[in-house]
């Protein structure tokens, strides 16, 4: 029972972390993925300069 409880807690933590990542990805895609951050900065130079 202790092992099952530990596994359940681990799954819960992993799911919660994925939920946080998904929410962050929906709200702001730049910080989590550096590739999108670089593409957004390169595609919009006036926003960065201005």
C-alpha atoms as a PDB file:
ATOM      1  CA  UNK A   1       0.000   0.000   0.000  1.00  0.00           C
ATOM      2  CA  UNK A   2       2.878   2.351   0.741  1.00  0.00           C
ATOM      3  CA  UNK A   3       4.385   1.693  -2.683  1.00  0.00           C
ATOM      4  CA  UNK A   4       1.048   2.363  -4.394  1.00  0.00           C
ATOM      5  CA  UNK A   5       0.696   5.564  -2.393  1.00  0.00           C
ATOM      6  CA  UNK A   6       4.164   6.721  -3.449  1.00  0.00           C
ATOM      7  CA  UNK A   7       3.422   5.906  -7.087  1.00  0.00           C
ATOM      8  CA  UNK A   8       0.104   7.757  -6.889  1.00  0.00           C
ATOM      9  CA  UNK A   9       1.812  10.810  -5.403  1.00  0.00           C
ATOM     10  CA  UNK A  10       4.494  10.709  -8.102  1.00  0.00           C
ATOM     11  CA  UNK A  11       1.858  10.510 -10.847  1.00  0.00           C
ATOM     12  CA  UNK A  12      -0.063  13.375  -9.233  1.00  0.00           C
ATOM     13  CA  UNK A  13       3.070  15.535  -9.083  1.00  0.00           C
ATOM     14  CA  UNK A  14       3.956  14.742 -12.701  1.00  0.00           C
ATOM     15  CA  UNK A  15       0.416  15.527 -13.868  1.00  0.00           C
ATOM     16  CA  UNK A  16       0.417  18.794 -11.924  1.00  0.00           C
ATOM     17  CA  UNK A  17       3.752  19.748 -13.469  1.00  0.00           C
ATOM     18  CA  UNK A  18       2.433  18.979 -16.953  1.00  0.00           C
ATOM     19  CA  UNK A  19      -0.661  21.069 -16.195  1.00  0.00           C
ATOM     20  CA  UNK A  20       1.539  24.004 -15.167  1.00  0.00           C
ATOM     21  CA  UNK A  21       3.612  23.603 -18.332  1.00  0.00           C
ATOM     22  CA  UNK A  22       0.488  23.477 -20.506  1.00  0.00           C
ATOM     23  CA  UNK A  23      -0.982  26.561 -18.825  1.00  0.00           C
ATOM     24  CA  UNK A  24       2.303  28.436 -19.265  1.00  0.00           C
ATOM     25  CA  UNK A  25       2.476  27.337 -22.888  1.00  0.00           C
ATOM     26  CA  UNK A  26      -1.060  28.588 -23.520  1.00  0.00           C
ATOM     27  CA  UNK A  27      -0.485  31.948 -21.815  1.00  0.00           C
ATOM     28  CA  UNK A  28       3.110  32.641 -22.867  1.00  0.00           C
ATOM     29  CA  UNK A  29       4.921  30.346 -25.291  1.00  0.00           C
ATOM     30  CA  UNK A  30       8.223  32.254 -25.238  1.00  0.00           C
ATOM     31  CA  UNK A  31       9.896  31.466 -21.864  1.00  0.00           C
ATOM     32  CA  UNK A  32       9.489  27.679 -21.883  1.00  0.00           C
ATOM     33  CA  UNK A  33      10.702  27.136 -25.450  1.00  0.00           C
ATOM     34  CA  UNK A  34      13.817  29.177 -26.324  1.00  0.00           C
ATOM     35  CA  UNK A  35      13.358  28.386 -30.019  1.00  0.00           C
ATOM     36  CA  UNK A  36      10.015  30.195 -30.181  1.00  0.00           C
ATOM     37  CA  UNK A  37      11.490  33.026 -28.127  1.00  0.00           C
ATOM     38  CA  UNK A  38      14.318  33.499 -30.616  1.00  0.00           C
ATOM     39  CA  UNK A  39      11.965  33.241 -33.586  1.00  0.00           C
ATOM     40  CA  UNK A  40       9.572  35.804 -32.117  1.00  0.00           C
ATOM     41  CA  UNK A  41      12.438  38.223 -31.424  1.00  0.00           C
ATOM     42  CA  UNK A  42      13.888  37.727 -34.912  1.00  0.00           C
ATOM     43  CA  UNK A  43      10.521  38.023 -36.650  1.00  0.00           C
ATOM     44  CA  UNK A  44       9.628  41.196 -34.742  1.00  0.00           C
ATOM     45  CA  UNK A  45      12.731  43.435 -34.494  1.00  0.00           C
ATOM     46  CA  UNK A  46      10.774  46.708 -33.993  1.00  0.00           C
ATOM     47  CA  UNK A  47       9.175  45.306 -30.850  1.00  0.00           C
ATOM     48  CA  UNK A  48      12.580  44.522 -29.348  1.00  0.00           C
ATOM     49  CA  UNK A  49      14.251  47.742 -30.518  1.00  0.00           C
ATOM     50  CA  UNK A  50      11.306  50.033 -29.818  1.00  0.00           C
END
